[in-house]
Amino acid sequence: MPVWLESLFVTGRVVDLILVLVVAECAVLALWPRLRGAMSLLDIAALIAPGVMLLLAVRAALTGAPHMLTAAMLAAAFACHIADVARRRRFKAPDRP
């Protein structure tokens, strides 16, 4: 593995680069005219939050952060995911014939 690539993983910067891409994705979702009516900013945040928490957990693990921080990020990812699923179920119209 090239040294520059290895340093990206050792320092956790690879996660920072991925998070920049996630921010760009959020901007596209928020600004795309066809999606703007379909997704509110809250929808986008709820969609992206669990993945961001997982990325932060990976960053914590890569950089040797305390295990409790990694566990907290994983728990936060799960909580964000459950909240997103509950929110989607609440606002989804029932499928009835």
N, C-alpha and C. Protein backbone atom coordinates (compact mmCIF):
# COMPACT_ATOMS: atom_id res chain seq x y z
N MET A 1 0.85 -1.17 0.00
CA MET A 1 0.00 0.00 0.00
C MET A 1 0.91 1.24 0.00
N PRO A 2 0.59 2.20 -0.85
CA PRO A 2 1.41 3.42 -0.86
C PRO A 2 1.38 4.13 0.50
N VAL A 3 2.46 4.80 0.82
CA VAL A 3 2.59 5.46 2.11
C VAL A 3 1.51 6.51 2.32
N TRP A 4 1.20 7.28 1.27
CA TRP A 4 0.19 8.34 1.42
C TRP A 4 -1.18 7.75 1.72
N LEU A 5 -1.48 6.59 1.12
CA LEU A 5 -2.77 5.94 1.36
C LEU A 5 -2.81 5.36 2.77
N GLU A 6 -1.71 4.77 3.18
CA GLU A 6 -1.63 4.23 4.54
C GLU A 6 -1.81 5.34 5.58
N SER A 7 -1.21 6.49 5.32
CA SER A 7 -1.33 7.60 6.28
C SER A 7 -2.77 8.11 6.36
N LEU A 8 -3.52 8.02 5.25
CA LEU A 8 -4.93 8.41 5.29
C LEU A 8 -5.72 7.56 6.27
N PHE A 9 -5.39 6.27 6.32
CA PHE A 9 -6.10 5.36 7.22
C PHE A 9 -5.61 5.49 8.66
N VAL A 10 -4.32 5.62 8.84
CA VAL A 10 -3.77 5.71 10.19
C VAL A 10 -4.25 6.96 10.90
N THR A 11 -4.34 8.06 10.18
CA THR A 11 -4.76 9.33 10.78
C THR A 11 -6.27 9.51 10.81
N GLY A 12 -6.99 8.65 10.10
CA GLY A 12 -8.44 8.78 10.04
C GLY A 12 -8.90 9.79 9.00
N ARG A 13 -7.98 10.34 8.25
CA ARG A 13 -8.32 11.35 7.24
C ARG A 13 -9.17 10.76 6.11
N VAL A 14 -9.10 9.47 5.91
CA VAL A 14 -9.93 8.85 4.88
C VAL A 14 -11.41 9.07 5.21
N VAL A 15 -11.74 9.02 6.47
CA VAL A 15 -13.12 9.26 6.90
C VAL A 15 -13.49 10.72 6.68
N ASP A 16 -12.54 11.61 6.95
CA ASP A 16 -12.80 13.03 6.70
C ASP A 16 -13.12 13.28 5.23
N LEU A 17 -12.39 12.63 4.34
CA LEU A 17 -12.65 12.77 2.91
C LEU A 17 -14.04 12.24 2.54
N ILE A 18 -14.41 11.13 3.13
CA ILE A 18 -15.73 10.56 2.87
C ILE A 18 -16.82 11.49 3.41
N LEU A 19 -16.58 12.09 4.57
CA LEU A 19 -17.56 13.02 5.13
C LEU A 19 -17.73 14.26 4.25
N VAL A 20 -16.66 14.70 3.60
CA VAL A 20 -16.77 15.80 2.65
C VAL A 20 -17.69 15.40 1.49
N LEU A 21 -17.55 14.17 1.03
CA LEU A 21 -18.44 13.67 -0.03
C LEU A 21 -19.89 13.59 0.45
N VAL A 22 -20.09 13.21 1.69
CA VAL A 22 -21.44 13.14 2.24
C VAL A 22 -22.06 14.53 2.31
N VAL A 23 -21.27 15.52 2.71
CA VAL A 23 -21.76 16.90 2.74
C VAL A 23 -22.14 17.35 1.33
N ALA A 24 -21.31 16.99 0.35
CA ALA A 24 -21.63 17.33 -1.04
C ALA A 24 -22.92 16.65 -1.48
N GLU A 25 -23.10 15.40 -1.08
CA GLU A 25 -24.33 14.68 -1.41
C GLU A 25 -25.55 15.38 -0.79
N CYS A 26 -25.41 15.81 0.45
CA CYS A 26 -26.51 16.53 1.11
C CYS A 26 -26.84 17.82 0.37
N ALA A 27 -25.81 18.51 -0.07
CA ALA A 27 -26.03 19.77 -0.80
C ALA A 27 -26.76 19.50 -2.11
N VAL A 28 -26.37 18.45 -2.80
CA VAL A 28 -27.05 18.11 -4.06
C VAL A 28 -28.51 17.74 -3.79
N LEU A 29 -28.74 16.94 -2.78
CA LEU A 29 -30.12 16.56 -2.45
C LEU A 29 -30.96 17.77 -2.05
N ALA A 30 -30.35 18.71 -1.34
CA ALA A 30 -31.08 19.88 -0.89
C ALA A 30 -31.35 20.87 -2.02
N LEU A 31 -30.46 20.91 -3.00
CA LEU A 31 -30.57 21.92 -4.06
C LEU A 31 -31.16 21.40 -5.36
N TRP A 32 -31.21 20.10 -5.53
CA TRP A 32 -31.72 19.52 -6.78
C TRP A 32 -33.21 19.85 -6.90
N PRO A 33 -33.60 20.56 -7.95
CA PRO A 33 -35.00 21.01 -8.06
C PRO A 33 -36.05 19.90 -7.98
N ARG A 34 -35.79 18.77 -8.63
CA ARG A 34 -36.79 17.70 -8.62
C ARG A 34 -36.92 17.04 -7.26
N LEU A 35 -35.84 17.03 -6.50
CA LEU A 35 -35.88 16.38 -5.19
C LEU A 35 -36.31 17.32 -4.08
N ARG A 36 -36.19 18.61 -4.32
CA ARG A 36 -36.51 19.58 -3.28
C ARG A 36 -37.94 19.42 -2.78
N GLY A 37 -38.87 19.16 -3.69
CA GLY A 37 -40.25 18.99 -3.26
C GLY A 37 -40.49 17.66 -2.59
N ALA A 38 -39.66 16.65 -2.89
CA ALA A 38 -39.86 15.32 -2.34
C ALA A 38 -39.17 15.13 -0.99
N MET A 39 -38.10 15.87 -0.75
CA MET A 39 -37.33 15.67 0.48
C MET A 39 -37.07 17.01 1.15
N SER A 40 -37.47 17.10 2.40
CA SER A 40 -37.16 18.30 3.17
C SER A 40 -35.75 18.17 3.73
N LEU A 41 -35.25 19.24 4.29
CA LEU A 41 -33.93 19.18 4.91
C LEU A 41 -33.92 18.21 6.08
N LEU A 42 -35.03 18.11 6.79
CA LEU A 42 -35.13 17.15 7.89
C LEU A 42 -35.09 15.71 7.36
N ASP A 43 -35.73 15.47 6.21
CA ASP A 43 -35.67 14.14 5.59
C ASP A 43 -34.23 13.78 5.23
N ILE A 44 -33.53 14.74 4.66
CA ILE A 44 -32.14 14.50 4.25
C ILE A 44 -31.27 14.24 5.48
N ALA A 45 -31.44 15.04 6.52
CA ALA A 45 -30.65 14.86 7.74
C ALA A 45 -30.93 13.50 8.37
N ALA A 46 -32.19 13.10 8.41
CA ALA A 46 -32.55 11.80 8.99
C ALA A 46 -31.99 10.65 8.16
N LEU A 47 -31.91 10.85 6.86
CA LEU A 47 -31.38 9.83 5.96
C LEU A 47 -29.87 9.67 6.12
N ILE A 48 -29.18 10.77 6.31
CA ILE A 48 -27.72 10.77 6.33
C ILE A 48 -27.13 10.53 7.72
N ALA A 49 -27.84 10.90 8.77
CA ALA A 49 -27.29 10.86 10.13
C ALA A 49 -26.74 9.50 10.56
N PRO A 50 -27.44 8.38 10.33
CA PRO A 50 -26.87 7.10 10.78
C PRO A 50 -25.53 6.79 10.10
N GLY A 51 -25.42 7.09 8.83
CA GLY A 51 -24.17 6.84 8.12
C GLY A 51 -23.04 7.72 8.62
N VAL A 52 -23.36 8.96 8.94
CA VAL A 52 -22.35 9.87 9.48
C VAL A 52 -21.86 9.35 10.83
N MET A 53 -22.77 8.87 11.66
CA MET A 53 -22.37 8.33 12.96
C MET A 53 -21.49 7.09 12.80
N LEU A 54 -21.83 6.25 11.83
CA LEU A 54 -21.00 5.07 11.57
C LEU A 54 -19.61 5.48 11.09
N LEU A 55 -19.55 6.48 10.23
CA LEU A 55 -18.24 6.97 9.77
C LEU A 55 -17.43 7.52 10.94
N LEU A 56 -18.07 8.23 11.85
CA LEU A 56 -17.36 8.75 13.01
C LEU A 56 -16.88 7.62 13.92
N ALA A 57 -17.65 6.54 14.00
CA ALA A 57 -17.21 5.38 14.77
C ALA A 57 -15.98 4.74 14.12
N VAL A 58 -15.98 4.64 12.81
CA VAL A 58 -14.81 4.09 12.10
C VAL A 58 -13.60 4.98 12.33
N ARG A 59 -13.81 6.30 12.27
CA ARG A 59 -12.69 7.23 12.49
C ARG A 59 -12.14 7.06 13.90
N ALA A 60 -13.02 6.94 14.87
CA ALA A 60 -12.57 6.75 16.24
C ALA A 60 -11.77 5.45 16.38
N ALA A 61 -12.23 4.40 15.74
CA ALA A 61 -11.52 3.12 15.82
C ALA A 61 -10.16 3.19 15.12
N LEU A 62 -10.11 3.86 13.97
CA LEU A 62 -8.85 3.97 13.23
C LEU A 62 -7.80 4.78 13.97
N THR A 63 -8.23 5.78 14.71
CA THR A 63 -7.29 6.68 15.36
C THR A 63 -6.94 6.27 16.78
N GLY A 64 -7.49 5.16 17.23
CA GLY A 64 -7.16 4.67 18.56
C GLY A 64 -7.85 5.42 19.68
N ALA A 65 -9.00 5.98 19.38
CA ALA A 65 -9.77 6.68 20.41
C ALA A 65 -10.25 5.67 21.45
N PRO A 66 -10.64 6.14 22.62
CA PRO A 66 -11.16 5.21 23.64
C PRO A 66 -12.33 4.39 23.10
N HIS A 67 -12.41 3.16 23.54
CA HIS A 67 -13.45 2.26 23.06
C HIS A 67 -14.85 2.78 23.36
N MET A 68 -14.98 3.49 24.45
CA MET A 68 -16.30 4.03 24.82
C MET A 68 -16.78 5.06 23.79
N LEU A 69 -15.85 5.81 23.21
CA LEU A 69 -16.23 6.78 22.18
C LEU A 69 -16.74 6.05 20.93
N THR A 70 -16.03 5.01 20.55
CA THR A 70 -16.47 4.21 19.40
C THR A 70 -17.85 3.60 19.68
N ALA A 71 -18.02 3.05 20.87
CA ALA A 71 -19.31 2.46 21.24
C ALA A 71 -20.41 3.52 21.26
N ALA A 72 -20.09 4.71 21.73
CA ALA A 72 -21.09 5.78 21.77
C ALA A 72 -21.52 6.17 20.36
N MET A 73 -20.57 6.23 19.43
CA MET A 73 -20.90 6.56 18.05
C MET A 73 -21.76 5.46 17.42
N LEU A 74 -21.46 4.21 17.71
CA LEU A 74 -22.28 3.11 17.20
C LEU A 74 -23.69 3.17 17.78
N ALA A 75 -23.79 3.47 19.06
CA ALA A 75 -25.11 3.60 19.69
C ALA A 75 -25.88 4.77 19.09
N ALA A 76 -25.17 5.87 18.82
CA ALA A 76 -25.82 7.03 18.20
C ALA A 76 -26.30 6.69 16.79
N ALA A 77 -25.52 5.91 16.05
CA ALA A 77 -25.93 5.48 14.71
C ALA A 77 -27.21 4.66 14.79
N PHE A 78 -27.27 3.76 15.76
CA PHE A 78 -28.46 2.93 15.92
C PHE A 78 -29.67 3.80 16.29
N ALA A 79 -29.47 4.73 17.21
CA ALA A 79 -30.57 5.61 17.63
C ALA A 79 -31.06 6.46 16.46
N CYS A 80 -30.14 6.99 15.66
CA CYS A 80 -30.52 7.78 14.48
C CYS A 80 -31.30 6.93 13.49
N HIS A 81 -30.86 5.70 13.31
CA HIS A 81 -31.53 4.80 12.37
C HIS A 81 -32.95 4.48 12.84
N ILE A 82 -33.09 4.16 14.12
CA ILE A 82 -34.42 3.85 14.67
C ILE A 82 -35.33 5.07 14.55
N ALA A 83 -34.80 6.25 14.85
CA ALA A 83 -35.60 7.47 14.74
C ALA A 83 -36.03 7.71 13.30
N ASP A 84 -35.14 7.46 12.36
CA ASP A 84 -35.48 7.64 10.94
C ASP A 84 -36.56 6.66 10.51
N VAL A 85 -36.41 5.40 10.91
CA VAL A 85 -37.42 4.39 10.55
C VAL A 85 -38.77 4.74 11.17
N ALA A 86 -38.77 5.13 12.43
CA ALA A 86 -40.03 5.50 13.10
C ALA A 86 -40.67 6.71 12.42
N ARG A 87 -39.85 7.67 12.05
CA ARG A 87 -40.38 8.87 11.38
C ARG A 87 -40.99 8.52 10.04
N ARG A 88 -40.33 7.65 9.30
CA ARG A 88 -40.86 7.24 7.99
C ARG A 88 -42.17 6.47 8.14
N ARG A 89 -42.24 5.60 9.12
CA ARG A 89 -43.47 4.82 9.32
C ARG A 89 -44.63 5.71 9.73
N ARG A 90 -44.33 6.72 10.52
CA ARG A 90 -45.38 7.62 11.01
C ARG A 90 -45.98 8.44 9.87
N PHE A 91 -45.16 8.87 8.92
CA PHE A 91 -45.64 9.74 7.86
C PHE A 91 -46.04 9.01 6.58
N LYS A 92 -45.84 7.69 6.54
CA LYS A 92 -46.21 6.93 5.36
C LYS A 92 -47.70 6.61 5.42
N ALA A 93 -48.38 6.84 4.31
CA ALA A 93 -49.81 6.53 4.25
C ALA A 93 -49.98 5.00 4.22
N PRO A 94 -50.95 4.49 4.92
CA PRO A 94 -51.17 3.04 4.90
C PRO A 94 -51.60 2.56 3.52
N ASP A 95 -51.08 1.39 3.15
CA ASP A 95 -51.44 0.79 1.86
C ASP A 95 -52.70 -0.05 2.04
N ARG A 96 -53.82 0.50 1.66
CA ARG A 96 -55.08 -0.24 1.79
C ARG A 96 -55.82 -0.19 0.46
N PRO A 97 -56.48 -1.29 0.12
CA PRO A 97 -57.22 -1.30 -1.15
C PRO A 97 -58.48 -0.48 -1.13
